[in-house]
Protein backbone atom coordinates (compact mmCIF):
# COMPACT_ATOMS: atom_id res chain seq x y z
CA MET A 1 -41.96 -35.54 -4.05
CA GLY A 2 -39.33 -36.34 -6.71
CA ILE A 3 -37.56 -33.57 -8.60
CA LYS A 4 -38.78 -34.92 -11.97
CA LEU A 5 -42.39 -34.75 -10.83
CA LYS A 6 -41.90 -31.19 -9.53
CA ILE A 7 -40.43 -30.11 -12.88
CA LYS A 8 -43.26 -31.81 -14.77
CA GLN A 9 -45.85 -30.07 -12.59
CA ALA A 10 -44.14 -26.70 -13.06
CA ILE A 11 -44.10 -27.08 -16.84
CA SER A 12 -47.75 -28.14 -16.84
CA PHE A 13 -48.65 -25.07 -14.78
CA LEU A 14 -46.82 -22.75 -17.22
CA LEU A 15 -48.54 -24.33 -20.22
CA HIS A 16 -52.01 -24.92 -18.87
CA GLY A 17 -52.38 -22.85 -15.72
CA GLU A 18 -53.75 -24.08 -12.40
CA PRO A 19 -54.71 -27.78 -12.66
CA ASP A 20 -58.26 -28.94 -12.11
CA ILE A 21 -59.00 -30.24 -8.65
CA VAL A 22 -60.58 -33.68 -8.68
CA GLN A 23 -62.10 -35.15 -5.55
CA VAL A 24 -63.71 -38.57 -5.36
CA ASN A 25 -67.10 -39.37 -3.89
CA LEU A 26 -66.71 -43.00 -2.92
CA ALA A 27 -69.52 -45.53 -2.96
CA THR A 28 -69.16 -47.53 0.24
CA LEU A 29 -70.94 -50.65 1.38
CA ALA A 30 -72.94 -50.62 4.59
CA PRO A 31 -71.81 -53.11 7.26
CA ASN A 32 -72.80 -56.55 6.04
CA GLU A 33 -72.30 -60.27 6.63
CA LEU A 34 -70.71 -61.30 3.33
CA LEU A 35 -67.65 -62.61 5.20
CA LYS A 36 -69.27 -63.52 8.51
CA GLY A 37 -67.35 -66.24 10.33
CA ARG A 38 -64.31 -66.02 8.07
CA CYS A 39 -60.72 -64.99 8.77
CA ALA A 40 -58.41 -63.23 6.31
CA LEU A 41 -54.63 -62.89 6.28
CA ILE A 42 -53.55 -59.73 4.44
CA THR A 43 -49.86 -59.11 3.76
CA GLY A 44 -48.64 -55.52 3.66
CA GLY A 45 -51.78 -54.35 5.39
CA THR A 46 -50.56 -51.27 7.25
CA SER A 47 -51.48 -48.71 4.58
CA GLY A 48 -52.81 -48.20 1.08
CA ILE A 49 -54.66 -51.02 -0.64
CA GLY A 50 -53.95 -53.59 2.10
CA PHE A 51 -55.33 -51.34 4.83
CA ALA A 52 -58.43 -50.53 2.77
CA ILE A 53 -59.05 -54.24 2.18
CA ALA A 54 -58.71 -54.87 5.92
CA GLN A 55 -61.32 -52.19 6.69
CA THR A 56 -63.73 -53.54 4.10
CA PHE A 57 -63.34 -57.14 5.23
CA LEU A 58 -63.92 -56.16 8.87
CA ASN A 59 -67.08 -54.28 7.85
CA ALA A 60 -68.21 -57.48 6.11
CA GLY A 61 -67.90 -59.53 9.31
CA ALA A 62 -64.47 -61.12 8.86
CA ALA A 63 -61.68 -61.33 11.38
CA VAL A 64 -58.45 -59.92 9.93
CA ILE A 65 -54.75 -60.63 10.37
CA LEU A 66 -52.31 -58.03 9.05
CA THR A 67 -48.62 -58.36 8.35
CA GLY A 68 -46.08 -55.58 7.92
CA ARG A 69 -42.36 -54.99 8.10
CA ASN A 70 -42.52 -52.07 10.52
CA GLN A 71 -43.86 -52.66 14.04
CA GLU A 72 -44.74 -49.01 14.61
CA LYS A 73 -46.84 -48.85 11.43
CA LEU A 74 -48.41 -52.18 12.29
CA ASP A 75 -49.40 -50.97 15.76
CA SER A 76 -50.88 -47.79 14.28
CA ALA A 77 -52.94 -49.76 11.76
CA ILE A 78 -54.26 -52.12 14.43
CA GLN A 79 -55.24 -49.18 16.63
CA LYS A 80 -57.26 -47.66 13.76
CA LEU A 81 -59.01 -50.93 12.94
CA GLU A 82 -59.66 -52.62 16.28
CA SER A 83 -62.96 -50.82 16.87
CA LYS A 84 -64.36 -52.44 13.72
CA GLY A 85 -63.82 -56.06 14.74
CA ARG A 86 -61.25 -58.72 15.59
CA VAL A 87 -57.85 -57.84 14.18
CA TRP A 88 -54.29 -59.05 14.79
CA GLY A 89 -50.92 -57.82 13.56
CA TYR A 90 -47.62 -59.64 12.97
CA THR A 91 -44.27 -58.36 11.77
CA MET A 92 -43.29 -60.30 8.69
CA ASN A 93 -40.88 -59.41 5.89
CA ASN A 94 -41.55 -61.05 2.53
CA LEU A 95 -37.80 -61.30 2.01
CA ASN A 96 -37.52 -63.75 4.91
CA ILE A 97 -39.36 -66.80 3.61
CA GLU A 98 -38.02 -68.98 6.43
CA THR A 99 -40.18 -66.98 8.86
CA PHE A 100 -43.46 -67.71 7.05
CA GLU A 101 -44.25 -71.07 8.62
CA PRO A 102 -43.44 -70.25 12.29
CA THR A 103 -45.28 -66.92 12.00
CA PHE A 104 -48.28 -68.62 10.41
CA ASN A 105 -48.36 -71.27 13.12
CA GLN A 106 -48.35 -68.52 15.75
CA MET A 107 -51.29 -66.87 13.99
CA LEU A 108 -53.25 -70.13 14.10
CA THR A 109 -52.52 -70.54 17.81
CA ASP A 110 -53.59 -66.98 18.60
CA ILE A 111 -56.87 -67.03 16.69
CA LYS A 112 -57.90 -70.33 18.28
CA PHE A 113 -57.79 -68.59 21.66
CA GLN A 114 -60.43 -66.25 20.21
CA GLY A 115 -62.67 -69.08 19.06
CA LEU A 116 -61.70 -69.10 15.38
CA LYS A 117 -61.06 -72.46 13.78
CA HIS A 118 -58.95 -71.49 10.79
CA ILE A 119 -57.78 -68.86 8.29
CA ASP A 120 -59.61 -69.23 4.99
CA ILE A 121 -58.61 -66.13 2.99
CA LEU A 122 -55.12 -65.07 1.94
CA VAL A 123 -54.57 -61.70 0.26
CA ASN A 124 -51.08 -61.36 -1.23
CA ASN A 125 -50.81 -57.59 -1.19
CA ALA A 126 -47.26 -56.74 0.00
CA GLY A 127 -45.05 -55.35 -2.76
CA VAL A 128 -42.36 -52.85 -3.66
CA LEU A 129 -41.51 -50.73 -6.70
CA GLY A 130 -38.15 -50.35 -8.39
CA ALA A 131 -35.33 -51.64 -10.59
CA VAL A 132 -36.12 -49.68 -13.76
CA LEU A 133 -34.05 -49.82 -16.94
CA PRO A 134 -31.37 -48.72 -17.73
CA ASN A 135 -29.86 -48.24 -14.27
CA ALA A 136 -31.28 -51.13 -12.26
CA THR A 137 -28.81 -52.96 -10.05
CA GLU A 138 -28.81 -56.67 -9.30
CA LYS A 139 -29.56 -55.91 -5.65
CA GLN A 140 -32.60 -53.80 -6.58
CA TYR A 141 -33.82 -56.44 -9.03
CA ASP A 142 -33.53 -59.23 -6.47
CA LYS A 143 -35.36 -57.22 -3.80
CA VAL A 144 -38.32 -56.53 -6.09
CA LEU A 145 -38.62 -60.05 -7.50
CA ASP A 146 -38.11 -61.70 -4.11
CA THR A 147 -40.72 -59.48 -2.43
CA ASN A 148 -43.33 -59.35 -5.17
CA LEU A 149 -43.11 -62.81 -6.72
CA LYS A 150 -40.93 -65.32 -4.86
CA ALA A 151 -42.62 -64.57 -1.52
CA VAL A 152 -46.10 -64.80 -3.05
CA PHE A 153 -45.20 -68.18 -4.56
CA PHE A 154 -43.98 -69.71 -1.30
CA LEU A 155 -46.59 -68.13 0.97
CA SER A 156 -49.36 -69.31 -1.36
CA GLN A 157 -47.82 -72.78 -1.54
CA MET A 158 -47.75 -73.01 2.26
CA PHE A 159 -51.28 -71.64 2.60
CA GLY A 160 -52.65 -73.91 -0.12
CA LYS A 161 -51.18 -77.01 1.52
CA TYR A 162 -52.65 -75.93 4.87
CA MET A 163 -56.10 -75.50 3.34
CA VAL A 164 -56.02 -78.79 1.42
CA LYS A 165 -54.75 -80.75 4.44
CA ASN A 166 -57.48 -79.33 6.67
CA LYS A 167 -60.21 -79.49 4.00
CA ILE A 168 -60.77 -75.73 4.18
CA LYS A 169 -62.62 -74.12 1.30
CA GLY A 170 -61.67 -70.51 0.81
CA ASN A 171 -59.83 -67.97 -1.30
CA ILE A 172 -56.43 -66.69 -2.32
CA LEU A 173 -56.41 -63.23 -3.84
CA ASN A 174 -53.29 -61.79 -5.47
CA ILE A 175 -52.87 -58.06 -5.92
CA ALA A 176 -51.51 -57.88 -9.45
CA SER A 177 -51.10 -54.71 -11.52
CA SER A 178 -52.24 -53.15 -14.77
CA SER A 179 -48.51 -52.85 -15.46
CA SER A 180 -48.64 -56.48 -16.58
CA LEU A 181 -50.42 -55.25 -19.72
CA ARG A 182 -47.41 -53.13 -20.68
CA PRO A 183 -43.81 -53.74 -21.81
CA ALA A 184 -41.66 -54.89 -18.88
CA ILE A 185 -39.05 -52.17 -18.47
CA SER A 186 -38.61 -52.77 -14.74
CA ALA A 187 -38.30 -55.61 -12.27
CA TYR A 188 -41.64 -54.46 -10.82
CA ILE A 189 -43.45 -55.01 -14.11
CA ILE A 190 -41.72 -58.37 -14.59
CA SER A 191 -42.91 -59.42 -11.12
CA LYS A 192 -46.50 -58.51 -11.98
CA TRP A 193 -46.35 -60.43 -15.25
CA GLY A 194 -45.29 -63.35 -13.08
CA ILE A 195 -48.18 -62.82 -10.67
CA LYS A 196 -50.62 -62.94 -13.57
CA GLY A 197 -49.33 -66.33 -14.72
CA PHE A 198 -49.00 -67.69 -11.19
CA THR A 199 -52.59 -66.74 -10.40
CA MET A 200 -53.78 -68.87 -13.31
CA GLY A 201 -51.61 -71.83 -12.36
CA LEU A 202 -52.51 -71.70 -8.68
CA ALA A 203 -56.20 -71.41 -9.51
CA LYS A 204 -56.11 -74.49 -11.72
CA SER A 205 -54.24 -76.44 -9.03
CA LEU A 206 -56.54 -75.57 -6.13
CA ILE A 207 -60.05 -75.26 -7.55
CA PRO A 208 -60.64 -79.06 -7.29
CA TYR A 209 -60.31 -78.61 -3.50
CA GLY A 210 -62.84 -75.79 -3.32
CA ILE A 211 -60.16 -73.08 -3.09
CA THR A 212 -60.76 -70.13 -5.40
CA VAL A 213 -57.80 -68.09 -6.65
CA ASN A 214 -58.07 -64.78 -8.48
CA GLY A 215 -56.24 -61.50 -8.83
CA ILE A 216 -57.00 -57.79 -8.94
CA ALA A 217 -54.92 -55.54 -11.17
CA PRO A 218 -55.21 -51.93 -9.96
CA GLY A 219 -54.34 -48.98 -12.13
CA ARG A 220 -52.64 -45.94 -10.62
CA THR A 221 -54.03 -46.03 -7.10
CA ALA A 222 -53.81 -43.22 -4.56
CA THR A 223 -51.52 -44.87 -2.00
CA PRO A 224 -48.60 -43.62 0.12
CA MET A 225 -46.28 -45.78 -2.01
CA LEU A 226 -47.13 -43.52 -4.96
CA GLY A 227 -47.02 -40.35 -2.89
CA LYS A 228 -50.76 -39.81 -2.54
CA ARG A 229 -52.66 -38.82 0.60
CA GLU A 230 -56.40 -38.56 1.21
CA ASP A 231 -56.30 -34.78 0.72
CA SER A 232 -54.32 -34.98 -2.55
CA ASN A 233 -55.69 -33.82 -5.89
CA MET A 234 -56.91 -37.00 -7.59
CA LEU A 235 -56.68 -35.60 -11.12
CA ASP A 236 -54.92 -38.03 -13.47
CA THR A 237 -54.69 -36.83 -17.05
CA HIS A 238 -53.14 -40.15 -18.14
CA SER A 239 -56.29 -42.06 -17.24
CA PRO A 240 -59.43 -42.23 -19.41
CA LEU A 241 -61.38 -42.01 -16.13
CA GLY A 242 -59.61 -38.72 -15.45
CA ARG A 243 -58.60 -39.51 -11.89
CA TRP A 244 -56.63 -41.85 -9.67
CA ILE A 245 -58.22 -45.07 -8.44
CA MET A 246 -58.97 -45.08 -4.71
CA PRO A 247 -57.81 -47.92 -2.40
CA GLU A 248 -61.39 -48.33 -1.17
CA GLU A 249 -62.51 -49.12 -4.71
CA ILE A 250 -59.93 -51.89 -4.96
CA ALA A 251 -61.12 -53.16 -1.58
CA ASN A 252 -64.72 -53.35 -2.81
CA GLY A 253 -63.53 -55.51 -5.68
CA ALA A 254 -61.56 -57.71 -3.29
CA LEU A 255 -64.64 -58.23 -1.14
CA PHE A 256 -66.68 -59.32 -4.14
CA LEU A 257 -64.03 -61.81 -5.29
CA VAL A 258 -63.50 -63.57 -1.94
CA SER A 259 -67.21 -63.66 -1.02
CA ASN A 260 -69.77 -66.11 -2.35
CA LEU A 261 -70.77 -63.44 -4.87
CA GLY A 262 -67.60 -64.17 -6.84
CA LYS A 263 -67.61 -67.97 -6.79
CA ALA A 264 -67.92 -68.27 -10.57
CA ILE A 265 -64.75 -66.23 -11.15
CA VAL A 266 -61.74 -68.58 -11.14
CA GLY A 267 -58.16 -67.86 -12.19
CA ASP A 268 -59.02 -64.42 -13.50
CA ILE A 269 -57.35 -61.05 -13.17
CA ILE A 270 -59.93 -58.31 -12.63
CA TYR A 271 -58.60 -55.02 -13.98
CA MET A 272 -59.60 -51.96 -11.95
CA THR A 273 -57.73 -49.27 -13.86
CA GLY A 274 -60.12 -46.53 -14.96
CA GLY A 275 -59.29 -47.62 -18.48
CA SER A 276 -55.53 -47.17 -18.17
CA ALA A 277 -53.64 -49.80 -20.19
CA LEU A 278 -56.92 -51.40 -21.24
CA LEU A 279 -58.04 -48.47 -23.39
CA SER A 280 -55.08 -46.14 -23.58
CA TYR A 281 -51.89 -45.61 -21.64
CA ASP A 282 -48.31 -45.07 -22.66
CA ASP A 283 -45.75 -44.79 -19.90
CA MET A 284 -42.82 -45.90 -22.05
CA ASN A 285 -39.81 -43.62 -21.94
CA TYR A 286 -38.48 -43.91 -25.46
CA ASN A 287 -35.21 -42.37 -24.36
CA VAL A 288 -34.76 -44.96 -21.62
CA PHE A 289 -31.24 -45.79 -22.78
């Protein structure tokens, strides 16, 4: 936990006393066949939103391929998921675009041994935070933009060409962010503004081939990247909803968008924020400089 957050929590305790404890009762879908016979590639799938999407897709009958940068985390995720269905894991770093094509070709070879003909869903989930004004470095900026935007562009381009060439009708889903509704004071927010525009352009380019592209923009979601665990207090006084969004809720939205239920949604960003940014939210530090 960062020192600023500790100080903020201490001040809040002095002013308001013990904070309310908010726990979330999640609505979960029973096992279903919404994605029966389909295969999804999910980047950054070892934890958080990506892992929750993998679980939900498996429960809906899909086979799932995860990517991650860390082999140990990837192995752990596969071990947790393999009882739910067919799942594979591959180490892949979004900073190394030259590895995309050989890794993808290996995926195709491996799934064919298991009787699957193709991959027809891509979820661009991998991303990193950082490079905030006024102290961002060029190295930090490049890492965030290359991971969050450049990699999504080239992976989607490769996947789109593969689908068009093989006459595969399917989906590309980009994990955007509600940050794209706010002033861009960091490379992260800039990257998510880019994802919003790219989602629209990619959707317009691919819909004539039966390939549907959309995005989900989560609000503050309880993920390890933001320091939240399952047993954390989900109270969020910044949110009109009053709590953090859960990864499983984002996953339910993802399932809807890539299934036949969401066929009429094309080139859209679906905001799952609890009202943050849409109704009220101000995270601007007016003393940033």
